[in-house]
Amino acid sequence: MSETEKSFSLDQIKVVTDTGGAGAERREAPPASALPCLSSNICTKEEKLSVLTGAHKRTAFMVATEIEWLVKEFGIERIGFFTLTFKDHVTDLREAQKRFRSLRAHVIVKRYQRAIGVWERHGSGRIHFHLVVVLDNDILTGADFAAFKRKDYRSANSALRAEWAFWRKTCPKYRFGRHELMPVKSNAQGIARYVGKYISKHVTQRLAADKGARVVRFIGYKPGTRRACCRFSWNTANGWLWRHKTEMFAGRHGLTDIGQMKKIFGSRWAYRLQKRIIGEYLEGVVFPSRKAADLNLTQGFPSIVARFRTKEIQEAIAILESRLEHPPNS
């Protein structure tokens, strides 16, 4: 990570607005583009709400960006959407990953220039994989998706038929079962969102044992070929407040970069200190919008109250000490 990325002073340009004006909200910086998945999933069976963490949202956005770049670089006609399931009922993540690693090392990296994979659980707990792969040839030309839906595959061109024939022979060797490789029906944004939604579904169906397991795999990427990463912050009021409150918190502790934060508070400092950082009350700054100013007041209200009480106690102690030193004439 560069020194610029480490620095807490990330805002190079200050957007000056009238925080009290009626038009302040309209002048707020535009939000990040729509995520390729929902921020939450509702599981109707268990009637619970599974909310995506910030890390999952960033991962989904990063995957969508990488897929869009694959389409730009290689063309939509050479992109395939590949689904892999197991013949047996595999629910153990280690076993699933073991089989996939074998298939990846011996087949996928040799057959496809690049691939992006996401694993997911069914409601039953059974694991399967979804991949976006880059082929050497055009598999889209001639494809009749309406006919495919009717299980009529006569419109498939020779390159697509060759892929189907190859995987019919190969999948059983690596203990995989039903599989499907199809050309992309929609555009780059469509396939990016389609793959990104599986990250959202993963959060709903994951087990306790899945916590911490890597969801996305990038195959065939050489150093420097990746276009996106998860080290970014959203261009929203909350994101702006988090950056500035982190800067204030770090400054009060004499820290100047993320490396020092990790050294003092551990690698999970953001998780452990989240409530304390959000509770900071910013003063002497120009807010980018009325929304950011209101959020700062709401989030920092306990801090304001604590300061007021501390000041009252200090003043009371000073008065008491003064009277002890100079008692009033009786």
C-alpha atoms as a PDB file:
ATOM      1  CA  MET A   1       0.000   0.000   0.000  1.00  0.00           C
ATOM      2  CA  SER A   2       1.287   3.419  -0.918  1.00  0.00           C
ATOM      3  CA  GLU A   3       1.846   6.195   1.606  1.00  0.00           C
ATOM      4  CA  THR A   4      -1.099   8.045   0.101  1.00  0.00           C
ATOM      5  CA  GLU A   5      -3.403   5.084   0.759  1.00  0.00           C
ATOM      6  CA  LYS A   6      -2.104   4.810   4.324  1.00  0.00           C
ATOM      7  CA  SER A   7      -2.728   8.441   5.118  1.00  0.00           C
ATOM      8  CA  PHE A   8      -5.856   9.340   7.000  1.00  0.00           C
ATOM      9  CA  SER A   9      -6.056  12.687   5.179  1.00  0.00           C
ATOM     10  CA  LEU A  10      -7.710  11.155   2.130  1.00  0.00           C
ATOM     11  CA  ASP A  11      -9.769  14.122   0.970  1.00  0.00           C
ATOM     12  CA  GLN A  12      -7.599  16.126  -1.410  1.00  0.00           C
ATOM     13  CA  ILE A  13     -10.497  18.386  -2.462  1.00  0.00           C
ATOM     14  CA  LYS A  14     -12.803  20.111   0.042  1.00  0.00           C
ATOM     15  CA  VAL A  15     -16.376  20.596  -1.128  1.00  0.00           C
ATOM     16  CA  VAL A  16     -17.603  23.771   0.614  1.00  0.00           C
ATOM     17  CA  THR A  17     -21.369  24.012   1.083  1.00  0.00           C
ATOM     18  CA  ASP A  18     -23.811  25.878   3.274  1.00  0.00           C
ATOM     19  CA  THR A  19     -24.644  23.182   5.791  1.00  0.00           C
ATOM     20  CA  GLY A  20     -27.740  25.034   6.837  1.00  0.00           C
ATOM     21  CA  GLY A  21     -29.017  25.886   3.379  1.00  0.00           C
ATOM     22  CA  ALA A  22     -31.966  24.216   1.720  1.00  0.00           C
ATOM     23  CA  GLY A  23     -29.882  23.190  -1.281  1.00  0.00           C
ATOM     24  CA  ALA A  24     -27.092  21.536   0.693  1.00  0.00           C
ATOM     25  CA  GLU A  25     -28.566  18.068   0.331  1.00  0.00           C
ATOM     26  CA  ARG A  26     -28.798  18.442  -3.439  1.00  0.00           C
ATOM     27  CA  ARG A  27     -25.135  19.436  -3.633  1.00  0.00           C
ATOM     28  CA  GLU A  28     -23.957  16.288  -1.879  1.00  0.00           C
ATOM     29  CA  ALA A  29     -21.415  14.230  -3.813  1.00  0.00           C
ATOM     30  CA  PRO A  30     -23.206  11.583  -5.909  1.00  0.00           C
ATOM     31  CA  PRO A  31     -23.420   8.146  -4.282  1.00  0.00           C
ATOM     32  CA  ALA A  32     -21.473   5.151  -5.560  1.00  0.00           C
ATOM     33  CA  SER A  33     -23.069   3.320  -8.483  1.00  0.00           C
ATOM     34  CA  ALA A  34     -25.601   0.625  -7.698  1.00  0.00           C
ATOM     35  CA  LEU A  35     -24.187  -2.511  -6.140  1.00  0.00           C
ATOM     36  CA  PRO A  36     -24.413  -5.757  -8.098  1.00  0.00           C
ATOM     37  CA  CYS A  37     -26.396  -7.279  -5.227  1.00  0.00           C
ATOM     38  CA  LEU A  38     -28.780  -6.279  -2.483  1.00  0.00           C
ATOM     39  CA  SER A  39     -27.611  -4.925   0.845  1.00  0.00           C
ATOM     40  CA  SER A  40     -29.638  -7.614   2.556  1.00  0.00           C
ATOM     41  CA  ASN A  41     -31.445 -10.872   1.896  1.00  0.00           C
ATOM     42  CA  ILE A  42     -34.655 -12.038   3.488  1.00  0.00           C
ATOM     43  CA  CYS A  43     -34.767 -15.753   4.171  1.00  0.00           C
ATOM     44  CA  THR A  44     -38.496 -16.574   4.292  1.00  0.00           C
ATOM     45  CA  LYS A  45     -37.962 -20.017   5.787  1.00  0.00           C
ATOM     46  CA  GLU A  46     -36.327 -18.752   8.949  1.00  0.00           C
ATOM     47  CA  GLU A  47     -37.897 -15.276   8.738  1.00  0.00           C
ATOM     48  CA  LYS A  48     -34.656 -13.492   9.477  1.00  0.00           C
ATOM     49  CA  LEU A  49     -32.776 -10.652   7.875  1.00  0.00           C
ATOM     50  CA  SER A  50     -29.171 -11.245   6.815  1.00  0.00           C
ATOM     51  CA  VAL A  51     -27.400  -7.955   6.252  1.00  0.00           C
ATOM     52  CA  LEU A  52     -24.287  -7.690   4.125  1.00  0.00           C
ATOM     53  CA  THR A  53     -21.248  -6.352   5.887  1.00  0.00           C
ATOM     54  CA  GLY A  54     -19.208  -3.519   4.410  1.00  0.00           C
ATOM     55  CA  ALA A  55     -16.603  -6.071   3.333  1.00  0.00           C
ATOM     56  CA  HIS A  56     -19.169  -8.103   1.382  1.00  0.00           C
ATOM     57  CA  LYS A  57     -20.533  -4.996  -0.316  1.00  0.00           C
ATOM     58  CA  ARG A  58     -17.046  -3.943  -1.383  1.00  0.00           C
ATOM     59  CA  THR A  59     -16.291  -7.482  -2.593  1.00  0.00           C
ATOM     60  CA  ALA A  60     -19.469  -7.548  -4.685  1.00  0.00           C
ATOM     61  CA  PHE A  61     -18.631  -4.170  -6.205  1.00  0.00           C
ATOM     62  CA  MET A  62     -15.046  -5.263  -6.902  1.00  0.00           C
ATOM     63  CA  VAL A  63     -16.189  -8.494  -8.611  1.00  0.00           C
ATOM     64  CA  ALA A  64     -18.622  -6.554 -10.791  1.00  0.00           C
ATOM     65  CA  THR A  65     -15.855  -4.151 -11.817  1.00  0.00           C
ATOM     66  CA  GLU A  66     -13.480  -6.985 -12.714  1.00  0.00           C
ATOM     67  CA  ILE A  67     -16.118  -8.753 -14.809  1.00  0.00           C
ATOM     68  CA  GLU A  68     -16.916  -5.576 -16.717  1.00  0.00           C
ATOM     69  CA  TRP A  69     -13.215  -5.193 -17.515  1.00  0.00           C
ATOM     70  CA  LEU A  70     -13.046  -8.806 -18.731  1.00  0.00           C
ATOM     71  CA  VAL A  71     -15.832  -8.046 -21.195  1.00  0.00           C
ATOM     72  CA  LYS A  72     -14.103  -4.869 -22.375  1.00  0.00           C
ATOM     73  CA  GLU A  73     -10.773  -6.629 -22.845  1.00  0.00           C
ATOM     74  CA  PHE A  74     -11.866  -9.919 -24.429  1.00  0.00           C
ATOM     75  CA  GLY A  75     -15.340  -9.236 -25.825  1.00  0.00           C
ATOM     76  CA  ILE A  76     -18.715 -10.488 -24.628  1.00  0.00           C
ATOM     77  CA  GLU A  77     -18.696 -13.262 -27.245  1.00  0.00           C
ATOM     78  CA  ARG A  78     -15.727 -14.956 -25.495  1.00  0.00           C
ATOM     79  CA  ILE A  79     -17.188 -14.811 -21.983  1.00  0.00           C
ATOM     80  CA  GLY A  80     -18.920 -17.868 -20.561  1.00  0.00           C
ATOM     81  CA  PHE A  81     -20.952 -18.381 -17.393  1.00  0.00           C
ATOM     82  CA  PHE A  82     -20.038 -21.733 -15.870  1.00  0.00           C
ATOM     83  CA  THR A  83     -21.903 -23.490 -13.036  1.00  0.00           C
ATOM     84  CA  LEU A  84     -20.420 -26.543 -11.293  1.00  0.00           C
ATOM     85  CA  THR A  85     -22.209 -28.828  -8.861  1.00  0.00           C
ATOM     86  CA  PHE A  86     -21.137 -32.064  -7.193  1.00  0.00           C
ATOM     87  CA  LYS A  87     -22.584 -35.455  -8.027  1.00  0.00           C
ATOM     88  CA  ASP A  88     -22.822 -36.307  -4.326  1.00  0.00           C
ATOM     89  CA  HIS A  89     -24.281 -34.161  -1.550  1.00  0.00           C
ATOM     90  CA  VAL A  90     -21.188 -32.174  -0.530  1.00  0.00           C
ATOM     91  CA  THR A  91     -21.803 -29.815   2.396  1.00  0.00           C
ATOM     92  CA  ASP A  92     -18.295 -29.775   3.859  1.00  0.00           C
ATOM     93  CA  LEU A  93     -16.487 -26.655   2.643  1.00  0.00           C
ATOM     94  CA  ARG A  94     -13.011 -28.190   2.952  1.00  0.00           C
ATOM     95  CA  GLU A  95     -13.990 -31.130   0.762  1.00  0.00           C
ATOM     96  CA  ALA A  96     -15.599 -28.826  -1.802  1.00  0.00           C
ATOM     97  CA  GLN A  97     -12.547 -26.588  -1.945  1.00  0.00           C
ATOM     98  CA  LYS A  98     -10.227 -29.595  -2.221  1.00  0.00           C
ATOM     99  CA  ARG A  99     -12.042 -30.863  -5.318  1.00  0.00           C
ATOM    100  CA  PHE A 100     -12.272 -27.409  -6.860  1.00  0.00           C
ATOM    101  CA  ARG A 101      -8.544 -26.745  -6.312  1.00  0.00           C
ATOM    102  CA  SER A 102      -7.746 -29.955  -8.149  1.00  0.00           C
ATOM    103  CA  LEU A 103      -9.989 -29.022 -11.074  1.00  0.00           C
ATOM    104  CA  ARG A 104      -8.580 -25.498 -11.133  1.00  0.00           C
ATOM    105  CA  ALA A 105      -4.936 -26.593 -11.139  1.00  0.00           C
ATOM    106  CA  HIS A 106      -5.266 -29.351 -13.737  1.00  0.00           C
ATOM    107  CA  VAL A 107      -7.956 -28.014 -16.053  1.00  0.00           C
ATOM    108  CA  ILE A 108      -9.283 -24.477 -15.579  1.00  0.00           C
ATOM    109  CA  VAL A 109      -5.949 -22.612 -15.539  1.00  0.00           C
ATOM    110  CA  LYS A 110      -4.865 -24.471 -18.672  1.00  0.00           C
ATOM    111  CA  ARG A 111      -8.120 -24.189 -20.606  1.00  0.00           C
ATOM    112  CA  TYR A 112      -9.184 -20.605 -19.881  1.00  0.00           C
ATOM    113  CA  GLN A 113      -7.179 -17.396 -20.012  1.00  0.00           C
ATOM    114  CA  ARG A 114      -8.894 -16.017 -16.913  1.00  0.00           C
ATOM    115  CA  ALA A 115     -11.716 -16.936 -14.575  1.00  0.00           C
ATOM    116  CA  ILE A 116     -13.531 -15.445 -11.609  1.00  0.00           C
ATOM    117  CA  GLY A 117     -15.232 -17.915  -9.276  1.00  0.00           C
ATOM    118  CA  VAL A 118     -17.740 -17.621  -6.440  1.00  0.00           C
ATOM    119  CA  TRP A 119     -18.919 -20.495  -4.250  1.00  0.00           C
ATOM    120  CA  GLU A 120     -22.391 -20.672  -2.751  1.00  0.00           C
ATOM    121  CA  ARG A 121     -24.578 -22.931  -0.623  1.00  0.00           C
ATOM    122  CA  HIS A 122     -28.054 -24.060  -1.552  1.00  0.00           C
ATOM    123  CA  GLY A 123     -30.755 -23.852   1.095  1.00  0.00           C
ATOM    124  CA  SER A 124     -29.997 -27.525   1.810  1.00  0.00           C
ATOM    125  CA  GLY A 125     -26.377 -26.641   2.588  1.00  0.00           C
ATOM    126  CA  ARG A 126     -25.054 -28.239  -0.598  1.00  0.00           C
ATOM    127  CA  ILE A 127     -22.120 -26.339  -2.136  1.00  0.00           C
ATOM    128  CA  HIS A 128     -21.708 -25.362  -5.782  1.00  0.00           C
ATOM    129  CA  PHE A 129     -19.572 -22.948  -7.795  1.00  0.00           C
ATOM    130  CA  HIS A 130     -20.278 -20.171 -10.307  1.00  0.00           C
ATOM    131  CA  LEU A 131     -17.530 -18.967 -12.639  1.00  0.00           C
ATOM    132  CA  VAL A 132     -17.113 -16.364 -15.347  1.00  0.00           C
ATOM    133  CA  VAL A 133     -14.512 -17.739 -17.779  1.00  0.00           C
ATOM    134  CA  VAL A 134     -12.661 -16.300 -20.774  1.00  0.00           C
ATOM    135  CA  LEU A 135     -12.576 -18.668 -23.750  1.00  0.00           C
ATOM    136  CA  ASP A 136     -10.325 -18.646 -26.797  1.00  0.00           C
ATOM    137  CA  ASN A 137     -13.236 -18.621 -29.250  1.00  0.00           C
ATOM    138  CA  ASP A 138     -16.615 -16.999 -29.818  1.00  0.00           C
ATOM    139  CA  ILE A 139     -19.393 -19.043 -28.153  1.00  0.00           C
ATOM    140  CA  LEU A 140     -22.147 -16.425 -28.470  1.00  0.00           C
ATOM    141  CA  THR A 141     -22.741 -16.143 -32.231  1.00  0.00           C
ATOM    142  CA  GLY A 142     -25.853 -18.023 -33.308  1.00  0.00           C
ATOM    143  CA  ALA A 143     -27.024 -18.804 -29.769  1.00  0.00           C
ATOM    144  CA  ASP A 144     -30.825 -18.876 -29.465  1.00  0.00           C
ATOM    145  CA  PHE A 145     -31.449 -18.439 -25.725  1.00  0.00           C
ATOM    146  CA  ALA A 146     -35.199 -18.928 -26.084  1.00  0.00           C
ATOM    147  CA  ALA A 147     -34.519 -22.290 -27.720  1.00  0.00           C
ATOM    148  CA  PHE A 148     -31.985 -23.172 -25.015  1.00  0.00           C
ATOM    149  CA  LYS A 149     -34.704 -22.591 -22.429  1.00  0.00           C
ATOM    150  CA  ARG A 150     -36.838 -25.180 -24.262  1.00  0.00           C
ATOM    151  CA  LYS A 151     -33.841 -27.542 -24.167  1.00  0.00           C
ATOM    152  CA  ASP A 152     -33.315 -27.112 -27.906  1.00  0.00           C
ATOM    153  CA  TYR A 153     -29.561 -26.666 -28.386  1.00  0.00           C
ATOM    154  CA  ARG A 154     -29.297 -26.868 -32.173  1.00  0.00           C
ATOM    155  CA  SER A 155     -28.391 -23.157 -32.449  1.00  0.00           C
ATOM    156  CA  ALA A 156     -25.165 -23.608 -30.428  1.00  0.00           C
ATOM    157  CA  ASN A 157     -22.067 -23.000 -32.568  1.00  0.00           C
ATOM    158  CA  SER A 158     -19.143 -25.431 -32.856  1.00  0.00           C
ATOM    159  CA  ALA A 159     -17.034 -23.718 -30.171  1.00  0.00           C
ATOM    160  CA  LEU A 160     -19.817 -23.944 -27.598  1.00  0.00           C
ATOM    161  CA  ARG A 161     -20.561 -27.566 -28.504  1.00  0.00           C
ATOM    162  CA  ALA A 162     -16.884 -28.400 -28.071  1.00  0.00           C
ATOM    163  CA  GLU A 163     -16.957 -26.955 -24.548  1.00  0.00           C
ATOM    164  CA  TRP A 164     -20.006 -29.013 -23.644  1.00  0.00           C
ATOM    165  CA  ALA A 165     -18.402 -32.188 -24.969  1.00  0.00           C
ATOM    166  CA  PHE A 166     -15.178 -31.503 -23.069  1.00  0.00           C
ATOM    167  CA  TRP A 167     -16.878 -30.963 -19.726  1.00  0.00           C
ATOM    168  CA  ARG A 168     -19.139 -34.000 -20.092  1.00  0.00           C
ATOM    169  CA  LYS A 169     -15.969 -36.102 -20.058  1.00  0.00           C
ATOM    170  CA  THR A 170     -13.948 -34.044 -17.580  1.00  0.00           C
ATOM    171  CA  CYS A 171     -16.342 -33.291 -14.707  1.00  0.00           C
ATOM    172  CA  PRO A 172     -16.826 -36.916 -13.563  1.00  0.00           C
ATOM    173  CA  LYS A 173     -13.038 -37.370 -13.339  1.00  0.00           C
ATOM    174  CA  TYR A 174     -12.910 -34.683 -10.639  1.00  0.00           C
ATOM    175  CA  ARG A 175     -16.070 -35.895  -8.867  1.00  0.00           C
ATOM    176  CA  PHE A 176     -18.290 -33.109 -10.170  1.00  0.00           C
ATOM    177  CA  GLY A 177     -21.820 -33.750 -11.386  1.00  0.00           C
ATOM    178  CA  ARG A 178     -24.283 -31.470 -13.158  1.00  0.00           C
ATOM    179  CA  HIS A 179     -22.635 -28.558 -14.905  1.00  0.00           C
ATOM    180  CA  GLU A 180     -23.582 -25.840 -17.362  1.00  0.00           C
ATOM    181  CA  LEU A 181     -21.485 -23.494 -19.491  1.00  0.00           C
ATOM    182  CA  MET A 182     -23.443 -20.888 -21.407  1.00  0.00           C
ATOM    183  CA  PRO A 183     -22.661 -17.690 -23.327  1.00  0.00           C
ATOM    184  CA  VAL A 184     -23.690 -14.389 -21.793  1.00  0.00           C
ATOM    185  CA  LYS A 185     -27.178 -13.313 -22.809  1.00  0.00           C
ATOM    186  CA  SER A 186     -27.027  -9.748 -21.467  1.00  0.00           C
ATOM    187  CA  ASN A 187     -24.315  -7.081 -21.393  1.00  0.00           C
ATOM    188  CA  ALA A 188     -21.285  -6.620 -19.141  1.00  0.00           C
ATOM    189  CA  GLN A 189     -23.289  -4.934 -16.377  1.00  0.00           C
ATOM    190  CA  GLY A 190     -25.887  -7.697 -16.479  1.00  0.00           C
ATOM    191  CA  ILE A 191     -23.462 -10.582 -15.985  1.00  0.00           C
ATOM    192  CA  ALA A 192     -21.581  -8.590 -13.326  1.00  0.00           C
ATOM    193  CA  ARG A 193     -24.760  -8.106 -11.300  1.00  0.00           C
ATOM    194  CA  TYR A 194     -25.781 -11.721 -11.870  1.00  0.00           C
ATOM    195  CA  VAL A 195     -22.542 -13.023 -10.388  1.00  0.00           C
ATOM    196  CA  GLY A 196     -22.474 -10.404  -7.653  1.00  0.00           C
ATOM    197  CA  LYS A 197     -25.856 -11.512  -6.301  1.00  0.00           C
ATOM    198  CA  TYR A 198     -24.353 -14.853  -5.271  1.00  0.00           C
ATOM    199  CA  ILE A 199     -22.264 -13.046  -2.682  1.00  0.00           C
ATOM    200  CA  SER A 200     -25.507 -11.781  -1.178  1.00  0.00           C
ATOM    201  CA  LYS A 201     -27.039 -15.274  -1.289  1.00  0.00           C
ATOM    202  CA  HIS A 202     -23.900 -16.691   0.297  1.00  0.00           C
ATOM    203  CA  VAL A 203     -24.419 -14.507   3.370  1.00  0.00           C
ATOM    204  CA  THR A 204     -27.946 -15.878   3.809  1.00  0.00           C
ATOM    205  CA  GLN A 205     -27.032 -19.554   3.482  1.00  0.00           C
ATOM    206  CA  ARG A 206     -23.573 -19.665   5.060  1.00  0.00           C
ATOM    207  CA  LEU A 207     -22.888 -21.744   8.151  1.00  0.00           C
ATOM    208  CA  ALA A 208     -20.895 -20.827  11.237  1.00  0.00           C
ATOM    209  CA  ALA A 209     -17.994 -22.904   9.878  1.00  0.00           C
ATOM    210  CA  ASP A 210     -17.909 -20.746   6.720  1.00  0.00           C
ATOM    211  CA  LYS A 211     -16.956 -17.588   8.580  1.00  0.00           C
ATOM    212  CA  GLY A 212     -13.684 -16.186   7.280  1.00  0.00           C
ATOM    213  CA  ALA A 213     -13.605 -18.429   4.196  1.00  0.00           C
ATOM    214  CA  ARG A 214     -12.705 -16.679   0.962  1.00  0.00           C
ATOM    215  CA  VAL A 215     -15.766 -16.299  -1.249  1.00  0.00           C
ATOM    216  CA  VAL A 216     -14.171 -15.108  -4.523  1.00  0.00           C
ATOM    217  CA  ARG A 217     -11.278 -16.601  -6.488  1.00  0.00           C
ATOM    218  CA  PHE A 218      -9.365 -14.958  -9.333  1.00  0.00           C
ATOM    219  CA  ILE A 219      -7.783 -17.494 -11.661  1.00  0.00           C
ATOM    220  CA  GLY A 220      -5.182 -16.779 -14.346  1.00  0.00           C
ATOM    221  CA  TYR A 221      -4.508 -13.226 -13.186  1.00  0.00           C
ATOM    222  CA  LYS A 222      -0.888 -12.131 -13.235  1.00  0.00           C
ATOM    223  CA  PRO A 223       0.510  -9.398 -10.971  1.00  0.00           C
ATOM    224  CA  GLY A 224      -0.741  -6.030 -12.137  1.00  0.00           C
ATOM    225  CA  THR A 225      -3.651  -7.342 -14.241  1.00  0.00           C
ATOM    226  CA  ARG A 226      -6.338  -6.845 -11.611  1.00  0.00           C
ATOM    227  CA  ARG A 227      -8.372  -3.672 -12.131  1.00  0.00           C
ATOM    228  CA  ALA A 228      -9.999  -3.363  -8.714  1.00  0.00           C
ATOM    229  CA  CYS A 229      -9.514  -4.226  -5.057  1.00  0.00           C
ATOM    230  CA  CYS A 230     -11.521  -3.928  -1.829  1.00  0.00           C
ATOM    231  CA  ARG A 231      -9.380  -1.156  -0.350  1.00  0.00           C
ATOM    232  CA  PHE A 232     -11.687   1.744  -0.963  1.00  0.00           C
ATOM    233  CA  SER A 233     -14.334   3.770   0.832  1.00  0.00           C
ATOM    234  CA  TRP A 234     -17.769   4.697  -0.481  1.00  0.00           C
ATOM    235  CA  ASN A 235     -18.376   8.287  -1.619  1.00  0.00           C
ATOM    236  CA  THR A 236     -21.292   8.800   0.796  1.00  0.00           C
ATOM    237  CA  ALA A 237     -22.000  10.900   3.886  1.00  0.00           C
ATOM    238  CA  ASN A 238     -21.263   7.919   6.132  1.00  0.00           C
ATOM    239  CA  GLY A 239     -18.017   7.185   4.304  1.00  0.00           C
ATOM    240  CA  TRP A 240     -16.906  10.803   4.589  1.00  0.00           C
ATOM    241  CA  LEU A 241     -17.674  10.830   8.320  1.00  0.00           C
ATOM    242  CA  TRP A 242     -15.843   7.543   8.920  1.00  0.00           C
ATOM    243  CA  ARG A 243     -12.662   8.829   7.252  1.00  0.00           C
ATOM    244  CA  HIS A 244     -12.664  12.113   9.175  1.00  0.00           C
ATOM    245  CA  LYS A 245     -13.629  10.578  12.493  1.00  0.00           C
ATOM    246  CA  THR A 246     -10.885   7.986  12.087  1.00  0.00           C
ATOM    247  CA  GLU A 247      -8.453  10.821  11.420  1.00  0.00           C
ATOM    248  CA  MET A 248      -9.605  12.612  14.583  1.00  0.00           C
ATOM    249  CA  PHE A 249      -9.424   9.433  16.701  1.00  0.00           C
ATOM    250  CA  ALA A 250      -5.940   8.623  15.393  1.00  0.00           C
ATOM    251  CA  GLY A 251      -4.751  12.187  15.973  1.00  0.00           C
ATOM    252  CA  ARG A 252      -5.846  12.091  19.619  1.00  0.00           C
ATOM    253  CA  HIS A 253      -3.666   9.007  20.068  1.00  0.00           C
ATOM    254  CA  GLY A 254      -0.697  10.462  18.196  1.00  0.00           C
ATOM    255  CA  LEU A 255      -1.040   8.100  15.212  1.00  0.00           C
ATOM    256  CA  THR A 256      -0.587   9.087  11.576  1.00  0.00           C
ATOM    257  CA  ASP A 257      -1.179   5.983   9.415  1.00  0.00           C
ATOM    258  CA  ILE A 258      -2.998   2.649   9.294  1.00  0.00           C
ATOM    259  CA  GLY A 259       0.180   0.711  10.042  1.00  0.00           C
ATOM    260  CA  GLN A 260       0.408   2.403  13.443  1.00  0.00           C
ATOM    261  CA  MET A 261      -3.291   1.704  14.088  1.00  0.00           C
ATOM    262  CA  LYS A 262      -2.700  -1.998  13.443  1.00  0.00           C
ATOM    263  CA  LYS A 263       0.362  -2.033  15.669  1.00  0.00           C
ATOM    264  CA  ILE A 264      -1.409  -0.400  18.618  1.00  0.00           C
ATOM    265  CA  PHE A 265      -4.945  -1.780  18.301  1.00  0.00           C
ATOM    266  CA  GLY A 266      -4.417  -4.965  16.261  1.00  0.00           C
ATOM    267  CA  SER A 267      -5.227  -5.989  12.681  1.00  0.00           C
ATOM    268  CA  ARG A 268      -8.985  -5.766  13.351  1.00  0.00           C
ATOM    269  CA  TRP A 269      -8.819  -2.255  14.739  1.00  0.00           C
ATOM    270  CA  ALA A 270     -11.707  -0.979  12.598  1.00  0.00           C
ATOM    271  CA  TYR A 271     -14.038  -3.680  13.923  1.00  0.00           C
ATOM    272  CA  ARG A 272     -12.981  -3.329  17.544  1.00  0.00           C
ATOM    273  CA  LEU A 273     -12.993   0.470  17.588  1.00  0.00           C
ATOM    274  CA  GLN A 274     -16.034   0.978  15.362  1.00  0.00           C
ATOM    275  CA  LYS A 275     -18.367   2.326  18.061  1.00  0.00           C
ATOM    276  CA  ARG A 276     -15.710   4.575  19.555  1.00  0.00           C
ATOM    277  CA  ILE A 277     -14.739   6.050  16.183  1.00  0.00           C
ATOM    278  CA  ILE A 278     -18.336   6.589  15.070  1.00  0.00           C
ATOM    279  CA  GLY A 279     -19.023   8.246  18.419  1.00  0.00           C
ATOM    280  CA  GLU A 280     -16.439  10.949  17.760  1.00  0.00           C
ATOM    281  CA  TYR A 281     -17.896  14.442  17.336  1.00  0.00           C
ATOM    282  CA  LEU A 282     -16.296  16.464  14.549  1.00  0.00           C
ATOM    283  CA  GLU A 283     -15.667  20.158  15.127  1.00  0.00           C
ATOM    284  CA  GLY A 284     -14.018  22.807  12.989  1.00  0.00           C
ATOM    285  CA  VAL A 285     -14.611  21.029   9.671  1.00  0.00           C
ATOM    286  CA  VAL A 286     -16.616  21.889   6.562  1.00  0.00           C
ATOM    287  CA  PHE A 287     -19.206  19.170   5.907  1.00  0.00           C
ATOM    288  CA  PRO A 288     -19.937  18.092   2.321  1.00  0.00           C
ATOM    289  CA  SER A 289     -23.698  18.085   2.944  1.00  0.00           C
ATOM    290  CA  ARG A 290     -26.438  18.782   5.461  1.00  0.00           C
ATOM    291  CA  LYS A 291     -26.913  15.028   5.810  1.00  0.00           C
ATOM    292  CA  ALA A 292     -23.301  14.576   6.934  1.00  0.00           C
ATOM    293  CA  ALA A 293     -23.660  17.401   9.458  1.00  0.00           C
ATOM    294  CA  ASP A 294     -26.872  15.912  10.883  1.00  0.00           C
ATOM    295  CA  LEU A 295     -25.324  12.444  11.129  1.00  0.00           C
ATOM    296  CA  ASN A 296     -22.312  13.876  12.920  1.00  0.00           C
ATOM    297  CA  LEU A 297     -24.590  15.492  15.500  1.00  0.00           C
ATOM    298  CA  THR A 298     -26.658  12.330  15.974  1.00  0.00           C
ATOM    299  CA  GLN A 299     -23.703   9.946  16.185  1.00  0.00           C
ATOM    300  CA  GLY A 300     -21.656  12.280  18.371  1.00  0.00           C
ATOM    301  CA  PHE A 301     -24.437  13.176  20.807  1.00  0.00           C
ATOM    302  CA  PRO A 302     -23.192  10.807  23.578  1.00  0.00           C
ATOM    303  CA  SER A 303     -19.723  12.337  23.172  1.00  0.00           C
ATOM    304  CA  ILE A 304     -21.155  15.852  23.510  1.00  0.00           C
ATOM    305  CA  VAL A 305     -23.026  14.861  26.678  1.00  0.00           C
ATOM    306  CA  ALA A 306     -19.904  13.225  28.121  1.00  0.00           C
ATOM    307  CA  ARG A 307     -17.873  16.384  27.459  1.00  0.00           C
ATOM    308  CA  PHE A 308     -20.537  18.547  29.088  1.00  0.00           C
ATOM    309  CA  ARG A 309     -20.643  16.336  32.178  1.00  0.00           C
ATOM    310  CA  THR A 310     -16.859  16.259  32.392  1.00  0.00           C
ATOM    311  CA  LYS A 311     -16.768  20.053  32.209  1.00  0.00           C
ATOM    312  CA  GLU A 312     -19.410  20.327  34.958  1.00  0.00           C
ATOM    313  CA  ILE A 313     -17.455  17.980  37.230  1.00  0.00           C
ATOM    314  CA  GLN A 314     -14.218  19.860  36.618  1.00  0.00           C
ATOM    315  CA  GLU A 315     -15.893  23.182  37.396  1.00  0.00           C
ATOM    316  CA  ALA A 316     -17.464  21.762  40.564  1.00  0.00           C
ATOM    317  CA  ILE A 317     -14.098  20.400  41.719  1.00  0.00           C
ATOM    318  CA  ALA A 318     -12.458  23.796  41.074  1.00  0.00           C
ATOM    319  CA  ILE A 319     -15.139  25.580  43.141  1.00  0.00           C
ATOM    320  CA  LEU A 320     -14.781  23.050  45.975  1.00  0.00           C
ATOM    321  CA  GLU A 321     -10.979  23.396  46.042  1.00  0.00           C
ATOM    322  CA  SER A 322     -11.295  27.188  46.062  1.00  0.00           C
ATOM    323  CA  ARG A 323     -13.645  27.116  49.041  1.00  0.00           C
ATOM    324  CA  LEU A 324     -11.385  24.717  50.932  1.00  0.00           C
ATOM    325  CA  GLU A 325      -8.420  27.016  50.387  1.00  0.00           C
ATOM    326  CA  HIS A 326     -10.391  30.210  51.110  1.00  0.00           C
ATOM    327  CA  PRO A 327     -13.327  29.312  53.327  1.00  0.00           C
ATOM    328  CA  PRO A 328     -16.029  32.005  53.535  1.00  0.00           C
ATOM    329  CA  ASN A 329     -16.179  34.061  56.718  1.00  0.00           C
ATOM    330  CA  SER A 330     -18.570  32.490  59.149  1.00  0.00           C
END
